Amino acid sequence: MVAAAPGVVLAAKLFDQNGRSFPKNYKAKSAARSLRELKKNKFIDIKEKKGKFEIKLTKKGEERFKDIQLKDVRVEKPSFWDGDWRIVIFDIPDRLFKRGRDALRGKLKEWEFYQLQKSVWVCPWPCEDEIQLVAELYDIAPYINIIVANKIVDDALVRKHFNL
């Protein structure tokens, strides 16, 4: 069995610590296969220390985890507009935080924000928490600001974009 699936012993040791074992409906082979794939794709590192195994996310694994966390984040459109504009402005250093900047810009597009200028995006719906989540995930919070304003001069195109 070990020869056919060498990760089974490793997975069993990983999940049978402190007297806990696999749940009855969980398959050791499946866990071992998953761990092997994660390690093969360089998402995790597995090390043994004093007879116990330690699993850590690699940098690549951390980035993938951020992508997964961010995937389902949405800005919900309320039933009525409160009359305030949310203006997201950012100046994120390209070299150090390119992935974070791209993630933020991608979400703003996905959420159908209106691009007022290169790094200035507008939305009429509450979005502060969602923007903060992206900022925290990618360590770019110091480079982002959100302004809540009740007026944008010459906002006809913005209103048209949001059907307001």
Protein backbone atom coordinates (compact mmCIF):
# COMPACT_ATOMS: atom_id res chain seq x y z
CA MET A 1 0.00 0.00 0.00
CA VAL A 2 2.81 2.41 0.80
CA ALA A 3 4.53 1.62 -2.48
CA ALA A 4 1.34 2.35 -4.42
CA ALA A 5 0.67 5.57 -2.57
CA PRO A 6 3.79 6.74 -0.73
CA GLY A 7 2.02 9.80 0.69
CA VAL A 8 -0.51 7.75 2.63
CA VAL A 9 1.82 7.21 5.57
CA LEU A 10 2.72 10.90 5.58
CA ALA A 11 -0.93 11.95 5.43
CA ALA A 12 -1.84 9.51 8.19
CA LYS A 13 0.89 10.98 10.42
CA LEU A 14 -0.19 14.51 9.59
CA PHE A 15 -3.83 13.92 10.42
CA ASP A 16 -3.35 11.53 13.33
CA GLN A 17 -1.74 13.90 15.79
CA ASN A 18 -2.87 14.62 19.32
CA GLY A 19 -5.12 11.58 19.32
CA ARG A 20 -7.21 12.85 16.42
CA SER A 21 -7.60 10.81 13.30
CA PHE A 22 -9.31 11.15 9.95
CA PRO A 23 -13.06 11.60 10.13
CA LYS A 24 -14.80 8.34 9.22
CA ASN A 25 -15.87 9.65 5.80
CA TYR A 26 -12.43 11.05 4.96
CA LYS A 27 -10.11 8.93 2.88
CA ALA A 28 -6.44 8.80 3.74
CA LYS A 29 -5.47 8.17 0.13
CA SER A 30 -7.39 11.23 -1.00
CA ALA A 31 -5.67 13.39 1.61
CA ALA A 32 -2.27 12.03 0.66
CA ARG A 33 -2.94 12.66 -3.04
CA SER A 34 -4.02 16.22 -2.28
CA LEU A 35 -0.92 16.88 -0.19
CA ARG A 36 1.33 15.40 -2.88
CA GLU A 37 -0.25 17.63 -5.53
CA LEU A 38 0.05 20.72 -3.36
CA LYS A 39 3.71 19.93 -2.70
CA LYS A 40 4.38 19.06 -6.35
CA ASN A 41 2.88 22.38 -7.45
CA LYS A 42 4.98 24.15 -4.80
CA PHE A 43 2.00 25.47 -2.83
CA ILE A 44 3.18 23.87 0.44
CA ASP A 45 6.37 22.72 2.14
CA ILE A 46 6.27 19.68 4.40
CA LYS A 47 8.96 19.22 7.03
CA GLU A 48 9.38 16.81 9.90
CA LYS A 49 10.38 18.20 13.29
CA LYS A 50 10.76 15.95 16.31
CA GLY A 51 8.54 13.24 14.86
CA LYS A 52 5.78 15.68 13.86
CA PHE A 53 5.11 17.02 10.43
CA GLU A 54 4.74 20.70 9.74
CA ILE A 55 2.96 22.02 6.67
CA LYS A 56 3.58 25.61 5.60
CA LEU A 57 2.28 27.58 2.68
CA THR A 58 4.99 28.67 0.28
CA LYS A 59 4.97 32.16 -1.20
CA LYS A 60 3.22 30.69 -4.25
CA GLY A 61 0.73 28.99 -1.93
CA GLU A 62 0.04 32.24 -0.10
CA GLU A 63 -0.67 34.02 -3.39
CA ARG A 64 -3.01 31.22 -4.50
CA PHE A 65 -4.79 31.34 -1.14
CA LYS A 66 -5.30 35.09 -1.54
CA ASP A 67 -6.78 34.51 -4.99
CA ILE A 68 -9.17 31.92 -3.58
CA GLN A 69 -10.22 34.22 -0.72
CA LEU A 70 -10.77 37.10 -3.12
CA LYS A 71 -12.71 35.09 -5.69
CA ASP A 72 -16.11 35.36 -4.00
CA VAL A 73 -15.85 38.92 -2.66
CA ARG A 74 -18.62 41.05 -4.16
CA VAL A 75 -19.97 44.56 -3.80
CA GLU A 76 -23.71 44.26 -3.31
CA LYS A 77 -25.98 46.79 -5.00
CA PRO A 78 -28.54 48.06 -2.47
CA SER A 79 -32.18 48.55 -3.43
CA PHE A 80 -31.73 52.34 -3.40
CA TRP A 81 -28.83 54.75 -3.76
CA ASP A 82 -27.95 56.76 -0.66
CA GLY A 83 -26.69 59.66 -2.81
CA ASP A 84 -23.02 59.23 -1.83
CA TRP A 85 -20.20 58.39 -4.22
CA ARG A 86 -17.40 56.10 -3.12
CA ILE A 87 -14.20 57.24 -4.77
CA VAL A 88 -11.27 54.83 -4.59
CA ILE A 89 -7.89 56.38 -5.24
CA PHE A 90 -4.58 54.57 -5.17
CA ASP A 91 -0.92 54.96 -5.96
CA ILE A 92 0.55 51.49 -5.50
CA PRO A 93 4.27 50.97 -6.24
CA ASP A 94 4.46 48.80 -9.34
CA ARG A 95 7.62 46.86 -8.62
CA LEU A 96 6.87 45.84 -5.05
CA PHE A 97 3.10 45.37 -5.16
CA LYS A 98 2.25 44.61 -8.79
CA ARG A 99 0.14 41.56 -7.90
CA GLY A 100 -1.86 43.54 -5.34
CA ARG A 101 -2.38 46.45 -7.71
CA ASP A 102 -3.51 44.08 -10.45
CA ALA A 103 -5.85 42.28 -8.03
CA LEU A 104 -7.42 45.57 -6.90
CA ARG A 105 -7.80 46.87 -10.45
CA GLY A 106 -9.28 43.53 -11.54
CA LYS A 107 -11.86 43.59 -8.75
CA LEU A 108 -12.81 47.20 -9.51
CA LYS A 109 -13.45 46.21 -13.12
CA GLU A 110 -15.33 43.08 -12.08
CA TRP A 111 -17.49 45.15 -9.71
CA GLU A 112 -18.18 47.53 -12.62
CA PHE A 113 -16.71 50.62 -10.99
CA TYR A 114 -16.38 53.64 -13.25
CA GLN A 115 -12.80 54.65 -14.02
CA LEU A 116 -12.71 58.42 -13.57
CA GLN A 117 -8.93 58.65 -14.07
CA LYS A 118 -6.06 56.16 -14.25
CA SER A 119 -6.05 55.32 -10.53
CA VAL A 120 -9.37 56.87 -9.55
CA TRP A 121 -12.48 54.67 -9.58
CA VAL A 122 -16.05 55.51 -8.57
CA CYS A 123 -18.98 53.50 -7.26
CA PRO A 124 -22.33 54.63 -5.80
CA TRP A 125 -22.71 51.58 -3.52
CA PRO A 126 -21.07 50.94 -0.15
CA CYS A 127 -17.81 49.12 -0.87
CA GLU A 128 -15.44 50.17 1.86
CA ASP A 129 -15.22 46.75 3.54
CA GLU A 130 -14.57 44.95 0.26
CA ILE A 131 -11.82 47.39 -0.75
CA GLN A 132 -10.25 47.06 2.71
CA LEU A 133 -10.25 43.27 2.37
CA VAL A 134 -8.37 43.43 -0.93
CA ALA A 135 -5.96 45.96 0.56
CA GLU A 136 -5.25 43.80 3.61
CA LEU A 137 -4.86 40.57 1.64
CA TYR A 138 -2.20 42.12 -0.58
CA ASP A 139 -0.57 44.47 1.97
CA ILE A 140 -1.45 47.55 -0.10
CA ALA A 141 -3.64 49.40 2.43
CA PRO A 142 -1.16 52.29 2.88
CA TYR A 143 -1.47 53.08 -0.84
CA ILE A 144 -5.27 53.20 -1.07
CA ASN A 145 -7.80 55.77 0.07
CA ILE A 146 -11.57 55.75 -0.12
CA ILE A 147 -13.45 59.02 -0.21
CA VAL A 148 -17.19 59.20 0.39
CA ALA A 149 -18.54 62.31 -1.35
CA ASN A 150 -22.01 63.62 -2.07
CA LYS A 151 -21.09 65.35 -5.32
CA ILE A 152 -18.94 64.88 -8.39
CA VAL A 153 -18.97 67.90 -10.68
CA ASP A 154 -20.05 66.88 -14.19
CA ASP A 155 -21.10 63.38 -13.17
CA ALA A 156 -23.38 62.71 -16.16
CA LEU A 157 -21.19 59.90 -17.55
CA VAL A 158 -20.81 58.32 -14.12
CA ARG A 159 -24.57 58.42 -13.49
CA LYS A 160 -25.20 56.96 -16.93
CA HIS A 161 -22.74 54.14 -16.22
CA PHE A 162 -24.70 53.18 -13.08
CA ASN A 163 -28.17 53.96 -14.54
CA LEU A 164 -28.81 56.65 -11.91
